[in-house]
Amino acid sequence: MKVIYCANNSIGSWLIRLFTWSRFSHTVYVEDDTHVIDSTLQHGGVRRRLLADIYSQYPTIAEVTIDLPDEQAALEFARAQIGKPYDQTAILGFVFHRNWAEDDSWFCSELIEAVAVAGKRLRFRDGLYRISPELSYTVI
């Protein structure tokens, strides 16, 4: 599984990095050589898009490869999330500890964590009720 962590100089990117204490403001799952799957508020949720768009939109990028026991299950889970809405409760979740593993909606970091475990309601760390680009990056 390949994941890209990224940031740009938009106001939204700066705010996300500020409130999540992160170097990054967005994460994407690399589906194949030309496409990624991500979730954004701006586009209403989980979608499939071109990998080239990530490189053109985000000047700050870190690529990470994660060895998974079942890459196919992760891919199938990621594809099944396409069309689900953006997790707008996420902002409050950082305050009220909303469990990121709810699969009704996703923000980018939640989606990446869930894809990594193929949606199996596991967390990389016990007691982790929210996930940010920085937290997922340091866990991986």
C-alpha atoms as a PDB file:
ATOM      1  CA  MET A   1       0.000   0.000   0.000  1.00  0.00           C
ATOM      2  CA  LYS A   2       1.368   3.359  -0.989  1.00  0.00           C
ATOM      3  CA  VAL A   3       0.228   6.519   0.794  1.00  0.00           C
ATOM      4  CA  ILE A   4       1.047  10.113  -0.040  1.00  0.00           C
ATOM      5  CA  TYR A   5       1.091  12.778   2.679  1.00  0.00           C
ATOM      6  CA  CYS A   6       0.953  16.306   1.307  1.00  0.00           C
ATOM      7  CA  ALA A   7       0.518  20.016   1.968  1.00  0.00           C
ATOM      8  CA  ASN A   8       0.256  23.226  -0.007  1.00  0.00           C
ATOM      9  CA  ASN A   9       0.118  26.917   0.817  1.00  0.00           C
ATOM     10  CA  SER A  10      -3.656  27.353   0.820  1.00  0.00           C
ATOM     11  CA  ILE A  11      -5.405  28.784   3.868  1.00  0.00           C
ATOM     12  CA  GLY A  12      -7.186  25.475   4.407  1.00  0.00           C
ATOM     13  CA  SER A  13      -3.922  23.559   4.364  1.00  0.00           C
ATOM     14  CA  TRP A  14      -2.365  25.963   6.865  1.00  0.00           C
ATOM     15  CA  LEU A  15      -5.377  25.704   9.189  1.00  0.00           C
ATOM     16  CA  ILE A  16      -5.419  21.912   9.093  1.00  0.00           C
ATOM     17  CA  ARG A  17      -1.708  21.800   9.866  1.00  0.00           C
ATOM     18  CA  LEU A  18      -2.112  24.313  12.668  1.00  0.00           C
ATOM     19  CA  PHE A  19      -5.007  22.549  14.411  1.00  0.00           C
ATOM     20  CA  THR A  20      -3.627  19.032  13.937  1.00  0.00           C
ATOM     21  CA  TRP A  21      -0.002  19.968  14.703  1.00  0.00           C
ATOM     22  CA  SER A  22       0.990  18.340  11.452  1.00  0.00           C
ATOM     23  CA  ARG A  23       3.494  18.861   8.658  1.00  0.00           C
ATOM     24  CA  PHE A  24       0.816  17.662   6.268  1.00  0.00           C
ATOM     25  CA  SER A  25      -2.767  18.634   5.557  1.00  0.00           C
ATOM     26  CA  HIS A  26      -3.903  15.799   3.329  1.00  0.00           C
ATOM     27  CA  THR A  27      -3.364  12.074   2.762  1.00  0.00           C
ATOM     28  CA  VAL A  28      -4.225   9.920  -0.244  1.00  0.00           C
ATOM     29  CA  TYR A  29      -4.237   6.210  -0.986  1.00  0.00           C
ATOM     30  CA  VAL A  30      -2.400   5.380  -4.203  1.00  0.00           C
ATOM     31  CA  GLU A  31      -4.705   2.977  -6.030  1.00  0.00           C
ATOM     32  CA  ASP A  32      -2.449   2.313  -9.032  1.00  0.00           C
ATOM     33  CA  ASP A  33       0.147   4.051 -11.231  1.00  0.00           C
ATOM     34  CA  THR A  34      -2.294   6.762 -12.320  1.00  0.00           C
ATOM     35  CA  HIS A  35      -5.046   7.084  -9.681  1.00  0.00           C
ATOM     36  CA  VAL A  36      -5.526   7.810  -6.003  1.00  0.00           C
ATOM     37  CA  ILE A  37      -8.493   7.603  -3.651  1.00  0.00           C
ATOM     38  CA  ASP A  38      -9.004  10.405  -1.149  1.00  0.00           C
ATOM     39  CA  SER A  39     -11.642  12.311   0.774  1.00  0.00           C
ATOM     40  CA  THR A  40     -12.041  16.087   0.793  1.00  0.00           C
ATOM     41  CA  LEU A  41     -14.619  18.504   2.119  1.00  0.00           C
ATOM     42  CA  GLN A  42     -14.301  20.581  -1.032  1.00  0.00           C
ATOM     43  CA  HIS A  43     -15.463  17.677  -3.204  1.00  0.00           C
ATOM     44  CA  GLY A  44     -17.973  16.222  -0.769  1.00  0.00           C
ATOM     45  CA  GLY A  45     -16.268  13.037   0.238  1.00  0.00           C
ATOM     46  CA  VAL A  46     -14.431  10.017  -1.063  1.00  0.00           C
ATOM     47  CA  ARG A  47     -13.466  10.046  -4.714  1.00  0.00           C
ATOM     48  CA  ARG A  48     -11.069   8.581  -7.223  1.00  0.00           C
ATOM     49  CA  ARG A  49      -8.800  11.080  -8.970  1.00  0.00           C
ATOM     50  CA  LEU A  50      -5.619  11.310 -10.992  1.00  0.00           C
ATOM     51  CA  LEU A  51      -2.299  10.880  -9.224  1.00  0.00           C
ATOM     52  CA  ALA A  52      -0.884  13.681 -11.374  1.00  0.00           C
ATOM     53  CA  ASP A  53      -3.384  16.083  -9.760  1.00  0.00           C
ATOM     54  CA  ILE A  54      -1.818  15.434  -6.354  1.00  0.00           C
ATOM     55  CA  TYR A  55       1.652  16.295  -7.604  1.00  0.00           C
ATOM     56  CA  SER A  56       0.408  19.482  -9.256  1.00  0.00           C
ATOM     57  CA  GLN A  57      -1.730  20.616  -6.295  1.00  0.00           C
ATOM     58  CA  TYR A  58       0.675  19.852  -3.437  1.00  0.00           C
ATOM     59  CA  PRO A  59       4.325  21.011  -3.515  1.00  0.00           C
ATOM     60  CA  THR A  60       5.118  19.291  -0.200  1.00  0.00           C
ATOM     61  CA  ILE A  61       4.881  15.512  -0.524  1.00  0.00           C
ATOM     62  CA  ALA A  62       6.051  12.471   1.428  1.00  0.00           C
ATOM     63  CA  GLU A  63       5.471   9.020  -0.041  1.00  0.00           C
ATOM     64  CA  VAL A  64       5.266   6.028   2.270  1.00  0.00           C
ATOM     65  CA  THR A  65       4.937   2.362   1.402  1.00  0.00           C
ATOM     66  CA  ILE A  66       3.263   0.095   3.941  1.00  0.00           C
ATOM     67  CA  ASP A  67       3.513  -3.682   3.731  1.00  0.00           C
ATOM     68  CA  LEU A  68       0.085  -5.150   4.356  1.00  0.00           C
ATOM     69  CA  PRO A  69      -0.883  -8.785   4.845  1.00  0.00           C
ATOM     70  CA  ASP A  70      -3.739  -8.413   2.350  1.00  0.00           C
ATOM     71  CA  GLU A  71      -3.198  -5.679  -0.245  1.00  0.00           C
ATOM     72  CA  GLN A  72      -6.227  -6.841  -2.248  1.00  0.00           C
ATOM     73  CA  ALA A  73      -8.564  -6.475   0.734  1.00  0.00           C
ATOM     74  CA  ALA A  74      -7.244  -2.947   1.323  1.00  0.00           C
ATOM     75  CA  LEU A  75      -7.801  -2.044  -2.327  1.00  0.00           C
ATOM     76  CA  GLU A  76     -11.335  -3.465  -2.331  1.00  0.00           C
ATOM     77  CA  PHE A  77     -12.174  -1.633   0.891  1.00  0.00           C
ATOM     78  CA  ALA A  78     -10.852   1.669  -0.501  1.00  0.00           C
ATOM     79  CA  ARG A  79     -12.866   1.297  -3.699  1.00  0.00           C
ATOM     80  CA  ALA A  80     -16.021   0.477  -1.713  1.00  0.00           C
ATOM     81  CA  GLN A  81     -15.727   3.830   0.093  1.00  0.00           C
ATOM     82  CA  ILE A  82     -15.933   5.895  -3.121  1.00  0.00           C
ATOM     83  CA  GLY A  83     -19.016   8.097  -2.968  1.00  0.00           C
ATOM     84  CA  LYS A  84     -19.275   8.157   0.830  1.00  0.00           C
ATOM     85  CA  PRO A  85     -19.550  11.672   2.268  1.00  0.00           C
ATOM     86  CA  TYR A  86     -16.858  13.729   3.924  1.00  0.00           C
ATOM     87  CA  ASP A  87     -16.793  13.366   7.714  1.00  0.00           C
ATOM     88  CA  GLN A  88     -17.960  16.856   8.655  1.00  0.00           C
ATOM     89  CA  THR A  89     -18.171  15.846  12.312  1.00  0.00           C
ATOM     90  CA  ALA A  90     -14.416  15.372  12.254  1.00  0.00           C
ATOM     91  CA  ILE A  91     -13.716  18.880  13.490  1.00  0.00           C
ATOM     92  CA  LEU A  92     -15.854  18.283  16.550  1.00  0.00           C
ATOM     93  CA  GLY A  93     -14.355  14.816  16.817  1.00  0.00           C
ATOM     94  CA  PHE A  94     -10.993  16.300  17.633  1.00  0.00           C
ATOM     95  CA  VAL A  95     -12.631  17.943  20.632  1.00  0.00           C
ATOM     96  CA  PHE A  96     -15.102  15.227  21.614  1.00  0.00           C
ATOM     97  CA  HIS A  97     -13.091  12.138  20.633  1.00  0.00           C
ATOM     98  CA  ARG A  98     -15.332  10.834  17.853  1.00  0.00           C
ATOM     99  CA  ASN A  99     -14.169   7.344  16.939  1.00  0.00           C
ATOM    100  CA  TRP A 100     -12.445   7.541  13.542  1.00  0.00           C
ATOM    101  CA  ALA A 101     -13.389   3.952  12.746  1.00  0.00           C
ATOM    102  CA  GLU A 102     -17.050   4.736  11.988  1.00  0.00           C
ATOM    103  CA  ASP A 103     -17.439   3.897   8.297  1.00  0.00           C
ATOM    104  CA  ASP A 104     -20.396   6.144   7.460  1.00  0.00           C
ATOM    105  CA  SER A 105     -18.192   9.048   6.323  1.00  0.00           C
ATOM    106  CA  TRP A 106     -14.491   9.819   6.057  1.00  0.00           C
ATOM    107  CA  PHE A 107     -11.955  12.575   6.206  1.00  0.00           C
ATOM    108  CA  CYS A 108      -8.628  11.825   4.545  1.00  0.00           C
ATOM    109  CA  SER A 109      -6.637  10.444   7.487  1.00  0.00           C
ATOM    110  CA  GLU A 110      -9.519   8.324   8.757  1.00  0.00           C
ATOM    111  CA  LEU A 111      -9.844   6.784   5.319  1.00  0.00           C
ATOM    112  CA  ILE A 112      -6.141   5.916   5.120  1.00  0.00           C
ATOM    113  CA  GLU A 113      -6.163   4.287   8.559  1.00  0.00           C
ATOM    114  CA  ALA A 114      -9.229   2.231   7.656  1.00  0.00           C
ATOM    115  CA  VAL A 115      -7.809   1.186   4.285  1.00  0.00           C
ATOM    116  CA  ALA A 116      -4.591   0.028   5.979  1.00  0.00           C
ATOM    117  CA  VAL A 117      -6.592  -2.437   8.073  1.00  0.00           C
ATOM    118  CA  ALA A 118      -9.102  -3.167   5.276  1.00  0.00           C
ATOM    119  CA  GLY A 119     -11.909  -1.711   7.406  1.00  0.00           C
ATOM    120  CA  LYS A 120     -11.588  -4.254  10.215  1.00  0.00           C
ATOM    121  CA  ARG A 121     -12.334  -1.874  13.095  1.00  0.00           C
ATOM    122  CA  LEU A 122      -8.774  -2.095  14.308  1.00  0.00           C
ATOM    123  CA  ARG A 123      -6.640   0.816  15.344  1.00  0.00           C
ATOM    124  CA  PHE A 124      -2.908   1.022  15.026  1.00  0.00           C
ATOM    125  CA  ARG A 125      -2.750   2.265  18.609  1.00  0.00           C
ATOM    126  CA  ASP A 126      -5.170   1.565  21.450  1.00  0.00           C
ATOM    127  CA  GLY A 127      -6.969   4.618  22.748  1.00  0.00           C
ATOM    128  CA  LEU A 128      -6.535   6.532  19.495  1.00  0.00           C
ATOM    129  CA  TYR A 129      -9.945   8.099  18.834  1.00  0.00           C
ATOM    130  CA  ARG A 130      -8.885  10.633  16.253  1.00  0.00           C
ATOM    131  CA  ILE A 131      -6.339  10.569  13.500  1.00  0.00           C
ATOM    132  CA  SER A 132      -4.609  13.402  11.682  1.00  0.00           C
ATOM    133  CA  PRO A 133      -2.144  13.427   8.792  1.00  0.00           C
ATOM    134  CA  GLU A 134       0.700  13.731  11.308  1.00  0.00           C
ATOM    135  CA  LEU A 135      -0.538  10.961  13.584  1.00  0.00           C
ATOM    136  CA  SER A 136      -0.995   8.518  10.727  1.00  0.00           C
ATOM    137  CA  TYR A 137       2.396   9.478   9.262  1.00  0.00           C
ATOM    138  CA  THR A 138       4.243   8.873  12.522  1.00  0.00           C
ATOM    139  CA  VAL A 139       2.419   5.595  13.142  1.00  0.00           C
ATOM    140  CA  ILE A 140       3.374   4.253   9.749  1.00  0.00           C
END
